[in-house]
Amino acid sequence: MAVKIDDKMIEYVGILAKLSLSPEEKEGAKEDMSRMLEYIDMLNGLDTSGVEPMSHVFDIRNVFREDEVVNGDASEEMLCNAPQQKEKQYQVPRTVE
């Protein structure tokens, strides 16, 4: 294991996480962190040279489609509902001076 977990490191991590740990909790955290680092060291020792990198566990691919207009231009119909319009746009009262 490359990094030794000691009381000073647990105290530092507690400060970063804004935790106040009791002495028993600090000992438990030290053991847990040591086990995690040992597991990471074990994983680092595995031969992954033939494994292709992946971004997701499942085989998910994007499905693309052509961007086609299906409902057409309904601007004239929408402008029929406007109380006032000017140059094919809704005309509303000014809100910013």
PDB file of N, CA and C in Angstrom:
ATOM      1  N   MET A   1       0.855  -1.177   0.000  1.00  0.00           N
ATOM      2  CA  MET A   1       0.000   0.000   0.000  1.00  0.00           C
ATOM      3  C   MET A   1       0.899   1.237   0.000  1.00  0.00           C
ATOM      4  N   ALA A   2       0.598   2.154  -0.911  1.00  0.00           N
ATOM      5  CA  ALA A   2       1.446   3.328  -1.091  1.00  0.00           C
ATOM      6  C   ALA A   2       1.219   4.379  -0.008  1.00  0.00           C
ATOM      7  N   VAL A   3      -0.006   4.554   0.430  1.00  0.00           N
ATOM      8  CA  VAL A   3      -0.327   5.605   1.392  1.00  0.00           C
ATOM      9  C   VAL A   3      -0.693   4.963   2.720  1.00  0.00           C
ATOM     10  N   LYS A   4      -0.080   5.458   3.787  1.00  0.00           N
ATOM     11  CA  LYS A   4      -0.384   4.965   5.129  1.00  0.00           C
ATOM     12  C   LYS A   4      -1.417   5.889   5.748  1.00  0.00           C
ATOM     13  N   ILE A   5      -2.525   5.328   6.183  1.00  0.00           N
ATOM     14  CA  ILE A   5      -3.582   6.111   6.825  1.00  0.00           C
ATOM     15  C   ILE A   5      -3.251   6.226   8.309  1.00  0.00           C
ATOM     16  N   ASP A   6      -3.032   7.459   8.751  1.00  0.00           N
ATOM     17  CA  ASP A   6      -2.724   7.672  10.164  1.00  0.00           C
ATOM     18  C   ASP A   6      -3.742   8.644  10.767  1.00  0.00           C
ATOM     19  N   ASP A   7      -3.585   8.929  12.038  1.00  0.00           N
ATOM     20  CA  ASP A   7      -4.521   9.817  12.739  1.00  0.00           C
ATOM     21  C   ASP A   7      -4.542  11.217  12.130  1.00  0.00           C
ATOM     22  N   LYS A   8      -3.383  11.680  11.689  1.00  0.00           N
ATOM     23  CA  LYS A   8      -3.298  13.022  11.112  1.00  0.00           C
ATOM     24  C   LYS A   8      -4.135  13.101   9.835  1.00  0.00           C
ATOM     25  N   MET A   9      -4.074  12.055   8.990  1.00  0.00           N
ATOM     26  CA  MET A   9      -4.837  12.052   7.753  1.00  0.00           C
ATOM     27  C   MET A   9      -6.339  11.971   8.051  1.00  0.00           C
ATOM     28  N   ILE A  10      -6.735  11.164   9.015  1.00  0.00           N
ATOM     29  CA  ILE A  10      -8.144  11.056   9.381  1.00  0.00           C
ATOM     30  C   ILE A  10      -8.654  12.401   9.897  1.00  0.00           C
ATOM     31  N   GLU A  11      -7.854  13.072  10.677  1.00  0.00           N
ATOM     32  CA  GLU A  11      -8.229  14.396  11.187  1.00  0.00           C
ATOM     33  C   GLU A  11      -8.414  15.373  10.027  1.00  0.00           C
ATOM     34  N   TYR A  12      -7.490  15.332   9.059  1.00  0.00           N
ATOM     35  CA  TYR A  12      -7.551  16.217   7.898  1.00  0.00           C
ATOM     36  C   TYR A  12      -8.807  15.938   7.063  1.00  0.00           C
ATOM     37  N   VAL A  13      -9.099  14.663   6.813  1.00  0.00           N
ATOM     38  CA  VAL A  13     -10.287  14.299   6.050  1.00  0.00           C
ATOM     39  C   VAL A  13     -11.545  14.724   6.801  1.00  0.00           C
ATOM     40  N   GLY A  14     -11.537  14.591   8.119  1.00  0.00           N
ATOM     41  CA  GLY A  14     -12.661  15.038   8.929  1.00  0.00           C
ATOM     42  C   GLY A  14     -12.893  16.525   8.809  1.00  0.00           C
ATOM     43  N   ILE A  15     -11.821  17.296   8.762  1.00  0.00           N
ATOM     44  CA  ILE A  15     -11.935  18.746   8.598  1.00  0.00           C
ATOM     45  C   ILE A  15     -12.505  19.073   7.218  1.00  0.00           C
ATOM     46  N   LEU A  16     -11.998  18.399   6.179  1.00  0.00           N
ATOM     47  CA  LEU A  16     -12.495  18.643   4.826  1.00  0.00           C
ATOM     48  C   LEU A  16     -13.978  18.295   4.700  1.00  0.00           C
ATOM     49  N   ALA A  17     -14.389  17.207   5.345  1.00  0.00           N
ATOM     50  CA  ALA A  17     -15.780  16.765   5.273  1.00  0.00           C
ATOM     51  C   ALA A  17     -16.655  17.453   6.309  1.00  0.00           C
ATOM     52  N   LYS A  18     -16.045  18.313   7.125  1.00  0.00           N
ATOM     53  CA  LYS A  18     -16.755  19.033   8.188  1.00  0.00           C
ATOM     54  C   LYS A  18     -17.457  18.054   9.127  1.00  0.00           C
ATOM     55  N   LEU A  19     -16.693  17.048   9.552  1.00  0.00           N
ATOM     56  CA  LEU A  19     -17.192  16.041  10.483  1.00  0.00           C
ATOM     57  C   LEU A  19     -16.435  16.138  11.790  1.00  0.00           C
ATOM     58  N   SER A  20     -17.130  15.955  12.871  1.00  0.00           N
ATOM     59  CA  SER A  20     -16.445  15.818  14.158  1.00  0.00           C
ATOM     60  C   SER A  20     -16.620  14.353  14.571  1.00  0.00           C
ATOM     61  N   LEU A  21     -15.525  13.642  14.543  1.00  0.00           N
ATOM     62  CA  LEU A  21     -15.556  12.204  14.800  1.00  0.00           C
ATOM     63  C   LEU A  21     -15.061  11.900  16.207  1.00  0.00           C
ATOM     64  N   SER A  22     -15.693  10.932  16.836  1.00  0.00           N
ATOM     65  CA  SER A  22     -15.218  10.461  18.139  1.00  0.00           C
ATOM     66  C   SER A  22     -13.977   9.602  17.908  1.00  0.00           C
ATOM     67  N   PRO A  23     -13.197   9.329  18.956  1.00  0.00           N
ATOM     68  CA  PRO A  23     -12.010   8.475  18.775  1.00  0.00           C
ATOM     69  C   PRO A  23     -12.347   7.095  18.192  1.00  0.00           C
ATOM     70  N   GLU A  24     -13.491   6.526  18.576  1.00  0.00           N
ATOM     71  CA  GLU A  24     -13.889   5.225  18.030  1.00  0.00           C
ATOM     72  C   GLU A  24     -14.217   5.339  16.539  1.00  0.00           C
ATOM     73  N   GLU A  25     -14.900   6.428  16.162  1.00  0.00           N
ATOM     74  CA  GLU A  25     -15.242   6.644  14.759  1.00  0.00           C
ATOM     75  C   GLU A  25     -13.991   6.879  13.927  1.00  0.00           C
ATOM     76  N   LYS A  26     -13.005   7.568  14.513  1.00  0.00           N
ATOM     77  CA  LYS A  26     -11.748   7.795  13.794  1.00  0.00           C
ATOM     78  C   LYS A  26     -11.032   6.474  13.529  1.00  0.00           C
ATOM     79  N   GLU A  27     -11.025   5.587  14.509  1.00  0.00           N
ATOM     80  CA  GLU A  27     -10.387   4.278  14.322  1.00  0.00           C
ATOM     81  C   GLU A  27     -11.118   3.479  13.245  1.00  0.00           C
ATOM     82  N   GLY A  28     -12.453   3.514  13.278  1.00  0.00           N
ATOM     83  CA  GLY A  28     -13.234   2.815  12.259  1.00  0.00           C
ATOM     84  C   GLY A  28     -12.985   3.376  10.873  1.00  0.00           C
ATOM     85  N   ALA A  29     -12.921   4.699  10.774  1.00  0.00           N
ATOM     86  CA  ALA A  29     -12.664   5.344   9.490  1.00  0.00           C
ATOM     87  C   ALA A  29     -11.272   4.995   8.983  1.00  0.00           C
ATOM     88  N   LYS A  30     -10.305   4.938   9.900  1.00  0.00           N
ATOM     89  CA  LYS A  30      -8.938   4.599   9.507  1.00  0.00           C
ATOM     90  C   LYS A  30      -8.892   3.180   8.930  1.00  0.00           C
ATOM     91  N   GLU A  31      -9.586   2.239   9.585  1.00  0.00           N
ATOM     92  CA  GLU A  31      -9.619   0.862   9.087  1.00  0.00           C
ATOM     93  C   GLU A  31     -10.329   0.787   7.738  1.00  0.00           C
ATOM     94  N   ASP A  32     -11.463   1.482   7.613  1.00  0.00           N
ATOM     95  CA  ASP A  32     -12.213   1.469   6.354  1.00  0.00           C
ATOM     96  C   ASP A  32     -11.385   2.041   5.205  1.00  0.00           C
ATOM     97  N   MET A  33     -10.728   3.169   5.447  1.00  0.00           N
ATOM     98  CA  MET A  33      -9.921   3.789   4.400  1.00  0.00           C
ATOM     99  C   MET A  33      -8.742   2.913   4.023  1.00  0.00           C
ATOM    100  N   SER A  34      -8.137   2.248   5.003  1.00  0.00           N
ATOM    101  CA  SER A  34      -7.022   1.346   4.717  1.00  0.00           C
ATOM    102  C   SER A  34      -7.485   0.189   3.836  1.00  0.00           C
ATOM    103  N   ARG A  35      -8.664  -0.373   4.157  1.00  0.00           N
ATOM    104  CA  ARG A  35      -9.196  -1.469   3.330  1.00  0.00           C
ATOM    105  C   ARG A  35      -9.504  -0.996   1.919  1.00  0.00           C
ATOM    106  N   MET A  36     -10.039   0.219   1.787  1.00  0.00           N
ATOM    107  CA  MET A  36     -10.329   0.749   0.451  1.00  0.00           C
ATOM    108  C   MET A  36      -9.054   0.897  -0.366  1.00  0.00           C
ATOM    109  N   LEU A  37      -8.011   1.429   0.259  1.00  0.00           N
ATOM    110  CA  LEU A  37      -6.749   1.611  -0.463  1.00  0.00           C
ATOM    111  C   LEU A  37      -6.113   0.269  -0.823  1.00  0.00           C
ATOM    112  N   GLU A  38      -6.236  -0.719   0.050  1.00  0.00           N
ATOM    113  CA  GLU A  38      -5.729  -2.052  -0.266  1.00  0.00           C
ATOM    114  C   GLU A  38      -6.475  -2.630  -1.465  1.00  0.00           C
ATOM    115  N   TYR A  39      -7.780  -2.433  -1.521  1.00  0.00           N
ATOM    116  CA  TYR A  39      -8.576  -2.930  -2.636  1.00  0.00           C
ATOM    117  C   TYR A  39      -8.168  -2.227  -3.929  1.00  0.00           C
ATOM    118  N   ILE A  40      -7.937  -0.920  -3.861  1.00  0.00           N
ATOM    119  CA  ILE A  40      -7.498  -0.172  -5.042  1.00  0.00           C
ATOM    120  C   ILE A  40      -6.145  -0.672  -5.506  1.00  0.00           C
ATOM    121  N   ASP A  41      -5.234  -0.956  -4.564  1.00  0.00           N
ATOM    122  CA  ASP A  41      -3.932  -1.512  -4.935  1.00  0.00           C
ATOM    123  C   ASP A  41      -4.101  -2.853  -5.626  1.00  0.00           C
ATOM    124  N   MET A  42      -5.033  -3.679  -5.138  1.00  0.00           N
ATOM    125  CA  MET A  42      -5.278  -4.974  -5.761  1.00  0.00           C
ATOM    126  C   MET A  42      -5.819  -4.778  -7.181  1.00  0.00           C
ATOM    127  N   LEU A  43      -6.712  -3.818  -7.364  1.00  0.00           N
ATOM    128  CA  LEU A  43      -7.243  -3.546  -8.701  1.00  0.00           C
ATOM    129  C   LEU A  43      -6.161  -3.009  -9.632  1.00  0.00           C
ATOM    130  N   ASN A  44      -5.260  -2.194  -9.097  1.00  0.00           N
ATOM    131  CA  ASN A  44      -4.173  -1.660  -9.919  1.00  0.00           C
ATOM    132  C   ASN A  44      -3.240  -2.761 -10.411  1.00  0.00           C
ATOM    133  N   GLY A  45      -3.200  -3.879  -9.704  1.00  0.00           N
ATOM    134  CA  GLY A  45      -2.339  -4.981 -10.103  1.00  0.00           C
ATOM    135  C   GLY A  45      -2.923  -5.862 -11.195  1.00  0.00           C
ATOM    136  N   LEU A  46      -4.190  -5.675 -11.542  1.00  0.00           N
ATOM    137  CA  LEU A  46      -4.835  -6.493 -12.568  1.00  0.00           C
ATOM    138  C   LEU A  46      -4.353  -6.103 -13.953  1.00  0.00           C
ATOM    139  N   ASP A  47      -4.255  -7.098 -14.832  1.00  0.00           N
ATOM    140  CA  ASP A  47      -3.854  -6.859 -16.217  1.00  0.00           C
ATOM    141  C   ASP A  47      -5.091  -6.468 -17.025  1.00  0.00           C
ATOM    142  N   THR A  48      -5.167  -5.219 -17.426  1.00  0.00           N
ATOM    143  CA  THR A  48      -6.306  -4.728 -18.203  1.00  0.00           C
ATOM    144  C   THR A  48      -5.884  -4.326 -19.606  1.00  0.00           C
ATOM    145  N   SER A  49      -4.775  -4.858 -20.082  1.00  0.00           N
ATOM    146  CA  SER A  49      -4.268  -4.450 -21.389  1.00  0.00           C
ATOM    147  C   SER A  49      -5.214  -4.843 -22.525  1.00  0.00           C
ATOM    148  N   GLY A  50      -5.965  -5.945 -22.386  1.00  0.00           N
ATOM    149  CA  GLY A  50      -6.863  -6.369 -23.454  1.00  0.00           C
ATOM    150  C   GLY A  50      -8.288  -5.892 -23.275  1.00  0.00           C
ATOM    151  N   VAL A  51      -8.530  -5.042 -22.288  1.00  0.00           N
ATOM    152  CA  VAL A  51      -9.884  -4.583 -22.007  1.00  0.00           C
ATOM    153  C   VAL A  51     -10.089  -3.213 -22.641  1.00  0.00           C
ATOM    154  N   GLU A  52     -11.144  -3.105 -23.454  1.00  0.00           N
ATOM    155  CA  GLU A  52     -11.435  -1.838 -24.101  1.00  0.00           C
ATOM    156  C   GLU A  52     -12.142  -0.901 -23.120  1.00  0.00           C
ATOM    157  N   PRO A  53     -11.728   0.365 -23.055  1.00  0.00           N
ATOM    158  CA  PRO A  53     -12.383   1.303 -22.143  1.00  0.00           C
ATOM    159  C   PRO A  53     -13.850   1.473 -22.502  1.00  0.00           C
ATOM    160  N   MET A  54     -14.687   1.707 -21.479  1.00  0.00           N
ATOM    161  CA  MET A  54     -16.105   1.919 -21.727  1.00  0.00           C
ATOM    162  C   MET A  54     -16.605   3.055 -20.858  1.00  0.00           C
ATOM    163  N   SER A  55     -17.696   3.656 -21.303  1.00  0.00           N
ATOM    164  CA  SER A  55     -18.264   4.761 -20.543  1.00  0.00           C
ATOM    165  C   SER A  55     -19.475   4.326 -19.754  1.00  0.00           C
ATOM    166  N   HIS A  56     -19.989   3.130 -20.029  1.00  0.00           N
ATOM    167  CA  HIS A  56     -21.184   2.654 -19.355  1.00  0.00           C
ATOM    168  C   HIS A  56     -21.137   1.143 -19.267  1.00  0.00           C
ATOM    169  N   VAL A  57     -21.721   0.594 -18.229  1.00  0.00           N
ATOM    170  CA  VAL A  57     -21.708  -0.848 -18.034  1.00  0.00           C
ATOM    171  C   VAL A  57     -22.547  -1.550 -19.099  1.00  0.00           C
ATOM    172  N   PHE A  58     -23.665  -0.952 -19.461  1.00  0.00           N
ATOM    173  CA  PHE A  58     -24.549  -1.554 -20.446  1.00  0.00           C
ATOM    174  C   PHE A  58     -24.174  -1.097 -21.843  1.00  0.00           C
ATOM    175  N   ASP A  59     -24.532  -1.891 -22.834  1.00  0.00           N
ATOM    176  CA  ASP A  59     -24.254  -1.549 -24.222  1.00  0.00           C
ATOM    177  C   ASP A  59     -25.325  -0.581 -24.716  1.00  0.00           C
ATOM    178  N   ILE A  60     -25.099   0.705 -24.498  1.00  0.00           N
ATOM    179  CA  ILE A  60     -26.064   1.737 -24.869  1.00  0.00           C
ATOM    180  C   ILE A  60     -25.472   2.562 -26.000  1.00  0.00           C
ATOM    181  N   ARG A  61     -26.272   2.767 -27.027  1.00  0.00           N
ATOM    182  CA  ARG A  61     -25.835   3.587 -28.149  1.00  0.00           C
ATOM    183  C   ARG A  61     -26.883   4.664 -28.396  1.00  0.00           C
ATOM    184  N   ASN A  62     -26.432   5.806 -28.880  1.00  0.00           N
ATOM    185  CA  ASN A  62     -27.363   6.871 -29.239  1.00  0.00           C
ATOM    186  C   ASN A  62     -28.110   6.489 -30.510  1.00  0.00           C
ATOM    187  N   VAL A  63     -29.379   6.802 -30.540  1.00  0.00           N
ATOM    188  CA  VAL A  63     -30.190   6.567 -31.726  1.00  0.00           C
ATOM    189  C   VAL A  63     -30.504   7.937 -32.311  1.00  0.00           C
ATOM    190  N   PHE A  64     -29.936   8.193 -33.460  1.00  0.00           N
ATOM    191  CA  PHE A  64     -30.137   9.491 -34.083  1.00  0.00           C
ATOM    192  C   PHE A  64     -31.207   9.376 -35.159  1.00  0.00           C
ATOM    193  N   ARG A  65     -31.928  10.455 -35.369  1.00  0.00           N
ATOM    194  CA  ARG A  65     -32.922  10.512 -36.426  1.00  0.00           C
ATOM    195  C   ARG A  65     -32.743  11.832 -37.159  1.00  0.00           C
ATOM    196  N   GLU A  66     -33.270  11.881 -38.349  1.00  0.00           N
ATOM    197  CA  GLU A  66     -33.220  13.119 -39.112  1.00  0.00           C
ATOM    198  C   GLU A  66     -34.136  14.147 -38.466  1.00  0.00           C
ATOM    199  N   ASP A  67     -33.727  15.386 -38.467  1.00  0.00           N
ATOM    200  CA  ASP A  67     -34.526  16.465 -37.910  1.00  0.00           C
ATOM    201  C   ASP A  67     -35.454  16.977 -39.008  1.00  0.00           C
ATOM    202  N   GLU A  68     -36.688  16.493 -38.992  1.00  0.00           N
ATOM    203  CA  GLU A  68     -37.642  16.848 -40.021  1.00  0.00           C
ATOM    204  C   GLU A  68     -38.812  17.612 -39.396  1.00  0.00           C
ATOM    205  N   VAL A  69     -39.286  18.639 -40.105  1.00  0.00           N
ATOM    206  CA  VAL A  69     -40.453  19.392 -39.662  1.00  0.00           C
ATOM    207  C   VAL A  69     -41.677  18.571 -40.023  1.00  0.00           C
ATOM    208  N   VAL A  70     -42.501  18.271 -39.017  1.00  0.00           N
ATOM    209  CA  VAL A  70     -43.692  17.458 -39.285  1.00  0.00           C
ATOM    210  C   VAL A  70     -44.988  18.258 -39.149  1.00  0.00           C
ATOM    211  N   ASN A  71     -44.965  19.359 -38.412  1.00  0.00           N
ATOM    212  CA  ASN A  71     -46.196  20.114 -38.218  1.00  0.00           C
ATOM    213  C   ASN A  71     -46.235  21.410 -39.015  1.00  0.00           C
ATOM    214  N   GLY A  72     -45.206  21.751 -39.696  1.00  0.00           N
ATOM    215  CA  GLY A  72     -45.194  22.929 -40.562  1.00  0.00           C
ATOM    216  C   GLY A  72     -45.171  24.244 -39.806  1.00  0.00           C
ATOM    217  N   ASP A  73     -45.380  25.311 -40.547  1.00  0.00           N
ATOM    218  CA  ASP A  73     -45.351  26.661 -39.990  1.00  0.00           C
ATOM    219  C   ASP A  73     -46.773  27.080 -39.629  1.00  0.00           C
ATOM    220  N   ALA A  74     -47.042  27.198 -38.343  1.00  0.00           N
ATOM    221  CA  ALA A  74     -48.370  27.573 -37.882  1.00  0.00           C
ATOM    222  C   ALA A  74     -48.368  28.977 -37.295  1.00  0.00           C
ATOM    223  N   SER A  75     -47.427  29.809 -37.736  1.00  0.00           N
ATOM    224  CA  SER A  75     -47.314  31.147 -37.147  1.00  0.00           C
ATOM    225  C   SER A  75     -48.552  31.996 -37.411  1.00  0.00           C
ATOM    226  N   GLU A  76     -49.162  31.857 -38.582  1.00  0.00           N
ATOM    227  CA  GLU A  76     -50.373  32.635 -38.881  1.00  0.00           C
ATOM    228  C   GLU A  76     -51.504  32.252 -37.932  1.00  0.00           C
ATOM    229  N   GLU A  77     -51.649  30.963 -37.668  1.00  0.00           N
ATOM    230  CA  GLU A  77     -52.703  30.496 -36.765  1.00  0.00           C
ATOM    231  C   GLU A  77     -52.446  30.989 -35.337  1.00  0.00           C
ATOM    232  N   MET A  78     -51.201  30.988 -34.911  1.00  0.00           N
ATOM    233  CA  MET A  78     -50.884  31.448 -33.563  1.00  0.00           C
ATOM    234  C   MET A  78     -51.103  32.956 -33.431  1.00  0.00           C
ATOM    235  N   LEU A  79     -50.774  33.701 -34.478  1.00  0.00           N
ATOM    236  CA  LEU A  79     -50.944  35.150 -34.419  1.00  0.00           C
ATOM    237  C   LEU A  79     -52.415  35.548 -34.406  1.00  0.00           C
ATOM    238  N   CYS A  80     -53.307  34.680 -34.845  1.00  0.00           N
ATOM    239  CA  CYS A  80     -54.742  34.983 -34.792  1.00  0.00           C
ATOM    240  C   CYS A  80     -55.203  35.165 -33.354  1.00  0.00           C
ATOM    241  N   ASN A  81     -54.522  34.528 -32.405  1.00  0.00           N
ATOM    242  CA  ASN A  81     -54.896  34.626 -30.993  1.00  0.00           C
ATOM    243  C   ASN A  81     -54.303  35.849 -30.301  1.00  0.00           C
ATOM    244  N   ALA A  82     -53.415  36.567 -30.966  1.00  0.00           N
ATOM    245  CA  ALA A  82     -52.739  37.709 -30.346  1.00  0.00           C
ATOM    246  C   ALA A  82     -53.664  38.910 -30.290  1.00  0.00           C
ATOM    247  N   PRO A  83     -53.732  39.603 -29.147  1.00  0.00           N
ATOM    248  CA  PRO A  83     -54.546  40.820 -29.069  1.00  0.00           C
ATOM    249  C   PRO A  83     -54.031  41.901 -30.025  1.00  0.00           C
ATOM    250  N   GLN A  84     -52.693  41.991 -30.128  1.00  0.00           N
ATOM    251  CA  GLN A  84     -52.078  42.953 -31.061  1.00  0.00           C
ATOM    252  C   GLN A  84     -50.880  42.276 -31.708  1.00  0.00           C
ATOM    253  N   GLN A  85     -50.650  42.625 -32.953  1.00  0.00           N
ATOM    254  CA  GLN A  85     -49.489  42.079 -33.653  1.00  0.00           C
ATOM    255  C   GLN A  85     -48.888  43.155 -34.542  1.00  0.00           C
ATOM    256  N   LYS A  86     -47.602  43.008 -34.779  1.00  0.00           N
ATOM    257  CA  LYS A  86     -46.890  43.973 -35.615  1.00  0.00           C
ATOM    258  C   LYS A  86     -45.787  43.208 -36.339  1.00  0.00           C
ATOM    259  N   GLU A  87     -45.766  43.298 -37.644  1.00  0.00           N
ATOM    260  CA  GLU A  87     -44.751  42.651 -38.481  1.00  0.00           C
ATOM    261  C   GLU A  87     -44.636  41.157 -38.173  1.00  0.00           C
ATOM    262  N   LYS A  88     -45.773  40.483 -38.119  1.00  0.00           N
ATOM    263  CA  LYS A  88     -45.854  39.038 -37.880  1.00  0.00           C
ATOM    264  C   LYS A  88     -45.254  38.622 -36.538  1.00  0.00           C
ATOM    265  N   GLN A  89     -45.392  39.482 -35.526  1.00  0.00           N
ATOM    266  CA  GLN A  89     -44.916  39.192 -34.175  1.00  0.00           C
ATOM    267  C   GLN A  89     -45.965  39.664 -33.176  1.00  0.00           C
ATOM    268  N   TYR A  90     -45.940  39.047 -31.995  1.00  0.00           N
ATOM    269  CA  TYR A  90     -46.813  39.509 -30.927  1.00  0.00           C
ATOM    270  C   TYR A  90     -46.358  40.884 -30.482  1.00  0.00           C
ATOM    271  N   GLN A  91     -47.291  41.782 -30.258  1.00  0.00           N
ATOM    272  CA  GLN A  91     -46.960  43.109 -29.743  1.00  0.00           C
ATOM    273  C   GLN A  91     -47.473  43.164 -28.314  1.00  0.00           C
ATOM    274  N   VAL A  92     -46.567  43.406 -27.377  1.00  0.00           N
ATOM    275  CA  VAL A  92     -46.927  43.437 -25.966  1.00  0.00           C
ATOM    276  C   VAL A  92     -46.504  44.780 -25.368  1.00  0.00           C
ATOM    277  N   PRO A  93     -47.088  45.163 -24.233  1.00  0.00           N
ATOM    278  CA  PRO A  93     -46.672  46.415 -23.594  1.00  0.00           C
ATOM    279  C   PRO A  93     -45.224  46.341 -23.142  1.00  0.00           C
ATOM    280  N   ARG A  94     -44.567  47.476 -23.170  1.00  0.00           N
ATOM    281  CA  ARG A  94     -43.170  47.556 -22.743  1.00  0.00           C
ATOM    282  C   ARG A  94     -43.098  47.288 -21.246  1.00  0.00           C
ATOM    283  N   THR A  95     -42.154  46.437 -20.830  1.00  0.00           N
ATOM    284  CA  THR A  95     -41.996  46.115 -19.416  1.00  0.00           C
ATOM    285  C   THR A  95     -40.719  46.679 -18.830  1.00  0.00           C
ATOM    286  N   VAL A  96     -39.783  47.081 -19.649  1.00  0.00           N
ATOM    287  CA  VAL A  96     -38.509  47.628 -19.186  1.00  0.00           C
ATOM    288  C   VAL A  96     -38.376  49.039 -19.714  1.00  0.00           C
ATOM    289  N   GLU A  97     -38.050  49.960 -18.839  1.00  0.00           N
ATOM    290  CA  GLU A  97     -37.880  51.363 -19.248  1.00  0.00           C
ATOM    291  C   GLU A  97     -36.462  51.610 -19.686  1.00  0.00           C
TER     292      GLU A  97
END
